[in-house]
Amino acid sequence: PFGVFMSGEVKILHGREEIDRTFYPEACSTDDVRRIVNEHPGMRIWSPRSKRWSEGVVPNKELT
């Protein structure tokens, strides 16, 4: 989904740790989300779906 929030473009990314490609061939993994985030360093990103990312996703930073 795409939209506008507070005069800025919003992209909603949802990645899963483990994906069953049999049922969800187009699903986005957390690695896909990390790649997208790193390709757009100007975006502010926050994901409540993953406990490791509860503080937000910082572009070009490895998850610990």
PDB file of N, CA and C in Angstrom:
ATOM      1  N   PRO A   1       0.826  -1.211   0.000  1.00  0.00           N
ATOM      2  CA  PRO A   1       0.000   0.000   0.000  1.00  0.00           C
ATOM      3  C   PRO A   1       0.864   1.266   0.000  1.00  0.00           C
ATOM      4  N   PHE A   2       0.383   2.262  -0.634  1.00  0.00           N
ATOM      5  CA  PHE A   2       1.070   3.545  -0.663  1.00  0.00           C
ATOM      6  C   PHE A   2       0.093   4.619  -0.216  1.00  0.00           C
ATOM      7  N   GLY A   3       0.604   5.689   0.329  1.00  0.00           N
ATOM      8  CA  GLY A   3      -0.267   6.753   0.777  1.00  0.00           C
ATOM      9  C   GLY A   3       0.528   7.980   1.152  1.00  0.00           C
ATOM     10  N   VAL A   4      -0.167   8.985   1.668  1.00  0.00           N
ATOM     11  CA  VAL A   4       0.477  10.225   2.094  1.00  0.00           C
ATOM     12  C   VAL A   4       0.130  10.464   3.551  1.00  0.00           C
ATOM     13  N   PHE A   5       1.124  10.767   4.364  1.00  0.00           N
ATOM     14  CA  PHE A   5       0.928  11.041   5.783  1.00  0.00           C
ATOM     15  C   PHE A   5       1.762  12.250   6.146  1.00  0.00           C
ATOM     16  N   MET A   6       1.128  13.289   6.637  1.00  0.00           N
ATOM     17  CA  MET A   6       1.835  14.511   7.046  1.00  0.00           C
ATOM     18  C   MET A   6       2.722  15.029   5.908  1.00  0.00           C
ATOM     19  N   SER A   7       2.165  15.106   4.722  1.00  0.00           N
ATOM     20  CA  SER A   7       2.812  15.618   3.514  1.00  0.00           C
ATOM     21  C   SER A   7       4.023  14.800   3.077  1.00  0.00           C
ATOM     22  N   GLY A   8       4.145  13.575   3.553  1.00  0.00           N
ATOM     23  CA  GLY A   8       5.235  12.707   3.112  1.00  0.00           C
ATOM     24  C   GLY A   8       4.701  11.392   2.595  1.00  0.00           C
ATOM     25  N   GLU A   9       5.433  10.788   1.687  1.00  0.00           N
ATOM     26  CA  GLU A   9       5.017   9.499   1.140  1.00  0.00           C
ATOM     27  C   GLU A   9       5.197   8.405   2.186  1.00  0.00           C
ATOM     28  N   VAL A  10       4.231   7.506   2.255  1.00  0.00           N
ATOM     29  CA  VAL A  10       4.275   6.405   3.216  1.00  0.00           C
ATOM     30  C   VAL A  10       4.254   5.093   2.450  1.00  0.00           C
ATOM     31  N   LYS A  11       5.186   4.206   2.779  1.00  0.00           N
ATOM     32  CA  LYS A  11       5.189   2.865   2.211  1.00  0.00           C
ATOM     33  C   LYS A  11       5.097   1.889   3.372  1.00  0.00           C
ATOM     34  N   ILE A  12       4.155   0.989   3.290  1.00  0.00           N
ATOM     35  CA  ILE A  12       3.964   0.012   4.353  1.00  0.00           C
ATOM     36  C   ILE A  12       4.613  -1.292   3.917  1.00  0.00           C
ATOM     37  N   LEU A  13       5.617  -1.715   4.672  1.00  0.00           N
ATOM     38  CA  LEU A  13       6.341  -2.944   4.365  1.00  0.00           C
ATOM     39  C   LEU A  13       6.055  -3.959   5.452  1.00  0.00           C
ATOM     40  N   HIS A  14       5.735  -5.155   5.052  1.00  0.00           N
ATOM     41  CA  HIS A  14       5.446  -6.205   6.015  1.00  0.00           C
ATOM     42  C   HIS A  14       6.271  -7.422   5.627  1.00  0.00           C
ATOM     43  N   GLY A  15       7.210  -7.786   6.467  1.00  0.00           N
ATOM     44  CA  GLY A  15       8.035  -8.960   6.205  1.00  0.00           C
ATOM     45  C   GLY A  15       7.876  -9.987   7.301  1.00  0.00           C
ATOM     46  N   ARG A  16       8.019 -11.241   6.949  1.00  0.00           N
ATOM     47  CA  ARG A  16       7.904 -12.321   7.923  1.00  0.00           C
ATOM     48  C   ARG A  16       9.246 -13.022   8.059  1.00  0.00           C
ATOM     49  N   GLU A  17       9.515 -13.521   9.275  1.00  0.00           N
ATOM     50  CA  GLU A  17      10.761 -14.244   9.520  1.00  0.00           C
ATOM     51  C   GLU A  17      10.845 -15.500   8.657  1.00  0.00           C
ATOM     52  N   GLU A  18       9.789 -16.298   8.660  1.00  0.00           N
ATOM     53  CA  GLU A  18       9.761 -17.532   7.879  1.00  0.00           C
ATOM     54  C   GLU A  18       8.539 -17.504   6.975  1.00  0.00           C
ATOM     55  N   ILE A  19       8.745 -17.867   5.733  1.00  0.00           N
ATOM     56  CA  ILE A  19       7.670 -17.809   4.750  1.00  0.00           C
ATOM     57  C   ILE A  19       7.523 -19.170   4.080  1.00  0.00           C
ATOM     58  N   ASP A  20       6.285 -19.623   3.962  1.00  0.00           N
ATOM     59  CA  ASP A  20       5.996 -20.828   3.195  1.00  0.00           C
ATOM     60  C   ASP A  20       5.680 -20.375   1.772  1.00  0.00           C
ATOM     61  N   ARG A  21       6.667 -20.454   0.890  1.00  0.00           N
ATOM     62  CA  ARG A  21       6.507 -19.974  -0.490  1.00  0.00           C
ATOM     63  C   ARG A  21       5.472 -20.787  -1.274  1.00  0.00           C
ATOM     64  N   THR A  22       5.102 -21.945  -0.750  1.00  0.00           N
ATOM     65  CA  THR A  22       4.067 -22.745  -1.401  1.00  0.00           C
ATOM     66  C   THR A  22       2.733 -22.012  -1.363  1.00  0.00           C
ATOM     67  N   PHE A  23       2.429 -21.417  -0.212  1.00  0.00           N
ATOM     68  CA  PHE A  23       1.156 -20.719  -0.040  1.00  0.00           C
ATOM     69  C   PHE A  23       1.248 -19.233  -0.369  1.00  0.00           C
ATOM     70  N   TYR A  24       2.424 -18.634  -0.159  1.00  0.00           N
ATOM     71  CA  TYR A  24       2.595 -17.191  -0.354  1.00  0.00           C
ATOM     72  C   TYR A  24       3.819 -16.924  -1.237  1.00  0.00           C
ATOM     73  N   PRO A  25       3.742 -17.219  -2.543  1.00  0.00           N
ATOM     74  CA  PRO A  25       4.923 -17.077  -3.409  1.00  0.00           C
ATOM     75  C   PRO A  25       5.422 -15.638  -3.540  1.00  0.00           C
ATOM     76  N   GLU A  26       4.560 -14.658  -3.339  1.00  0.00           N
ATOM     77  CA  GLU A  26       4.953 -13.253  -3.483  1.00  0.00           C
ATOM     78  C   GLU A  26       5.248 -12.586  -2.141  1.00  0.00           C
ATOM     79  N   ALA A  27       5.232 -13.356  -1.067  1.00  0.00           N
ATOM     80  CA  ALA A  27       5.407 -12.784   0.273  1.00  0.00           C
ATOM     81  C   ALA A  27       6.788 -12.162   0.435  1.00  0.00           C
ATOM     82  N   CYS A  28       6.837 -11.167   1.291  1.00  0.00           N
ATOM     83  CA  CYS A  28       8.064 -10.425   1.563  1.00  0.00           C
ATOM     84  C   CYS A  28       8.692 -10.943   2.855  1.00  0.00           C
ATOM     85  N   SER A  29       9.974 -11.260   2.806  1.00  0.00           N
ATOM     86  CA  SER A  29      10.676 -11.715   4.006  1.00  0.00           C
ATOM     87  C   SER A  29      11.287 -10.513   4.723  1.00  0.00           C
ATOM     88  N   THR A  30      11.778 -10.719   5.930  1.00  0.00           N
ATOM     89  CA  THR A  30      12.446  -9.619   6.636  1.00  0.00           C
ATOM     90  C   THR A  30      13.719  -9.213   5.902  1.00  0.00           C
ATOM     91  N   ASP A  31      14.368 -10.147   5.202  1.00  0.00           N
ATOM     92  CA  ASP A  31      15.540  -9.794   4.401  1.00  0.00           C
ATOM     93  C   ASP A  31      15.149  -8.879   3.244  1.00  0.00           C
ATOM     94  N   ASP A  32      13.985  -9.145   2.635  1.00  0.00           N
ATOM     95  CA  ASP A  32      13.491  -8.267   1.568  1.00  0.00           C
ATOM     96  C   ASP A  32      13.229  -6.868   2.107  1.00  0.00           C
ATOM     97  N   VAL A  33      12.606  -6.793   3.275  1.00  0.00           N
ATOM     98  CA  VAL A  33      12.323  -5.498   3.893  1.00  0.00           C
ATOM     99  C   VAL A  33      13.624  -4.771   4.201  1.00  0.00           C
ATOM    100  N   ARG A  34      14.614  -5.479   4.754  1.00  0.00           N
ATOM    101  CA  ARG A  34      15.909  -4.869   5.063  1.00  0.00           C
ATOM    102  C   ARG A  34      16.553  -4.306   3.796  1.00  0.00           C
ATOM    103  N   ARG A  35      16.485  -5.048   2.686  1.00  0.00           N
ATOM    104  CA  ARG A  35      17.061  -4.591   1.422  1.00  0.00           C
ATOM    105  C   ARG A  35      16.352  -3.321   0.946  1.00  0.00           C
ATOM    106  N   ILE A  36      15.026  -3.310   1.006  1.00  0.00           N
ATOM    107  CA  ILE A  36      14.257  -2.138   0.579  1.00  0.00           C
ATOM    108  C   ILE A  36      14.594  -0.925   1.444  1.00  0.00           C
ATOM    109  N   VAL A  37      14.689  -1.132   2.745  1.00  0.00           N
ATOM    110  CA  VAL A  37      15.028  -0.046   3.670  1.00  0.00           C
ATOM    111  C   VAL A  37      16.398   0.521   3.329  1.00  0.00           C
ATOM    112  N   ASN A  38      17.375  -0.352   3.089  1.00  0.00           N
ATOM    113  CA  ASN A  38      18.729   0.100   2.799  1.00  0.00           C
ATOM    114  C   ASN A  38      18.835   0.805   1.449  1.00  0.00           C
ATOM    115  N   GLU A  39      17.900   0.517   0.541  1.00  0.00           N
ATOM    116  CA  GLU A  39      17.891   1.196  -0.755  1.00  0.00           C
ATOM    117  C   GLU A  39      17.261   2.590  -0.667  1.00  0.00           C
ATOM    118  N   HIS A  40      16.575   2.891   0.434  1.00  0.00           N
ATOM    119  CA  HIS A  40      15.891   4.177   0.602  1.00  0.00           C
ATOM    120  C   HIS A  40      16.275   4.797   1.944  1.00  0.00           C
ATOM    121  N   PRO A  41      17.521   5.249   2.083  1.00  0.00           N
ATOM    122  CA  PRO A  41      17.993   5.751   3.383  1.00  0.00           C
ATOM    123  C   PRO A  41      17.292   7.011   3.865  1.00  0.00           C
ATOM    124  N   GLY A  42      16.561   7.691   3.009  1.00  0.00           N
ATOM    125  CA  GLY A  42      15.860   8.896   3.429  1.00  0.00           C
ATOM    126  C   GLY A  42      14.526   8.620   4.102  1.00  0.00           C
ATOM    127  N   MET A  43      14.083   7.372   4.075  1.00  0.00           N
ATOM    128  CA  MET A  43      12.782   7.049   4.661  1.00  0.00           C
ATOM    129  C   MET A  43      12.911   6.838   6.164  1.00  0.00           C
ATOM    130  N   ARG A  44      11.882   7.231   6.886  1.00  0.00           N
ATOM    131  CA  ARG A  44      11.763   6.884   8.305  1.00  0.00           C
ATOM    132  C   ARG A  44      10.926   5.624   8.370  1.00  0.00           C
ATOM    133  N   ILE A  45      11.441   4.600   8.997  1.00  0.00           N
ATOM    134  CA  ILE A  45      10.762   3.311   9.000  1.00  0.00           C
ATOM    135  C   ILE A  45      10.539   2.832  10.417  1.00  0.00           C
ATOM    136  N   TRP A  46       9.361   2.284  10.649  1.00  0.00           N
ATOM    137  CA  TRP A  46       9.056   1.674  11.942  1.00  0.00           C
ATOM    138  C   TRP A  46       8.209   0.455  11.688  1.00  0.00           C
ATOM    139  N   SER A  47       8.505  -0.630  12.354  1.00  0.00           N
ATOM    140  CA  SER A  47       7.733  -1.857  12.179  1.00  0.00           C
ATOM    141  C   SER A  47       7.360  -2.436  13.530  1.00  0.00           C
ATOM    142  N   PRO A  48       6.064  -2.465  13.847  1.00  0.00           N
ATOM    143  CA  PRO A  48       5.632  -3.050  15.116  1.00  0.00           C
ATOM    144  C   PRO A  48       5.515  -4.566  15.050  1.00  0.00           C
ATOM    145  N   ARG A  49       5.712  -5.151  13.863  1.00  0.00           N
ATOM    146  CA  ARG A  49       5.468  -6.579  13.689  1.00  0.00           C
ATOM    147  C   ARG A  49       6.600  -7.449  14.234  1.00  0.00           C
ATOM    148  N   SER A  50       7.794  -6.917  14.320  1.00  0.00           N
ATOM    149  CA  SER A  50       8.937  -7.699  14.771  1.00  0.00           C
ATOM    150  C   SER A  50       9.473  -7.123  16.071  1.00  0.00           C
ATOM    151  N   LYS A  51       9.629  -7.943  17.073  1.00  0.00           N
ATOM    152  CA  LYS A  51      10.139  -7.467  18.364  1.00  0.00           C
ATOM    153  C   LYS A  51      11.524  -6.860  18.216  1.00  0.00           C
ATOM    154  N   ARG A  52      12.340  -7.411  17.331  1.00  0.00           N
ATOM    155  CA  ARG A  52      13.691  -6.878  17.136  1.00  0.00           C
ATOM    156  C   ARG A  52      13.663  -5.481  16.533  1.00  0.00           C
ATOM    157  N   TRP A  53      12.592  -5.123  15.874  1.00  0.00           N
ATOM    158  CA  TRP A  53      12.506  -3.820  15.230  1.00  0.00           C
ATOM    159  C   TRP A  53      11.585  -2.879  15.981  1.00  0.00           C
ATOM    160  N   SER A  54      11.311  -3.151  17.240  1.00  0.00           N
ATOM    161  CA  SER A  54      10.342  -2.342  17.989  1.00  0.00           C
ATOM    162  C   SER A  54      10.767  -0.881  18.119  1.00  0.00           C
ATOM    163  N   GLU A  55      12.055  -0.620  18.003  1.00  0.00           N
ATOM    164  CA  GLU A  55      12.537   0.758  18.101  1.00  0.00           C
ATOM    165  C   GLU A  55      12.644   1.422  16.732  1.00  0.00           C
ATOM    166  N   GLY A  56      12.315   0.679  15.688  1.00  0.00           N
ATOM    167  CA  GLY A  56      12.414   1.225  14.338  1.00  0.00           C
ATOM    168  C   GLY A  56      13.541   0.573  13.564  1.00  0.00           C
ATOM    169  N   VAL A  57      13.545   0.794  12.277  1.00  0.00           N
ATOM    170  CA  VAL A  57      14.562   0.232  11.401  1.00  0.00           C
ATOM    171  C   VAL A  57      15.463   1.366  10.949  1.00  0.00           C
ATOM    172  N   VAL A  58      16.751   1.220  11.155  1.00  0.00           N
ATOM    173  CA  VAL A  58      17.711   2.231  10.746  1.00  0.00           C
ATOM    174  C   VAL A  58      18.351   1.763   9.443  1.00  0.00           C
ATOM    175  N   PRO A  59      18.267   2.545   8.368  1.00  0.00           N
ATOM    176  CA  PRO A  59      18.883   2.138   7.113  1.00  0.00           C
ATOM    177  C   PRO A  59      20.365   1.823   7.273  1.00  0.00           C
ATOM    178  N   ASN A  60      20.801   0.776   6.580  1.00  0.00           N
ATOM    179  CA  ASN A  60      22.199   0.327   6.545  1.00  0.00           C
ATOM    180  C   ASN A  60      22.735  -0.103   7.900  1.00  0.00           C
ATOM    181  N   LYS A  61      21.868  -0.493   8.811  1.00  0.00           N
ATOM    182  CA  LYS A  61      22.316  -0.987  10.109  1.00  0.00           C
ATOM    183  C   LYS A  61      21.917  -2.448  10.237  1.00  0.00           C
ATOM    184  N   GLU A  62      22.837  -3.277  10.670  1.00  0.00           N
ATOM    185  CA  GLU A  62      22.554  -4.695  10.851  1.00  0.00           C
ATOM    186  C   GLU A  62      21.656  -4.891  12.064  1.00  0.00           C
ATOM    187  N   LEU A  63      20.755  -5.868  11.972  1.00  0.00           N
ATOM    188  CA  LEU A  63      19.916  -6.207  13.118  1.00  0.00           C
ATOM    189  C   LEU A  63      20.718  -7.037  14.094  1.00  0.00           C
ATOM    190  N   THR A  64      20.516  -6.801  15.376  1.00  0.00           N
ATOM    191  CA  THR A  64      21.238  -7.578  16.389  1.00  0.00           C
ATOM    192  C   THR A  64      20.273  -8.386  17.211  1.00  0.00           C
TER     193      THR A  64
END
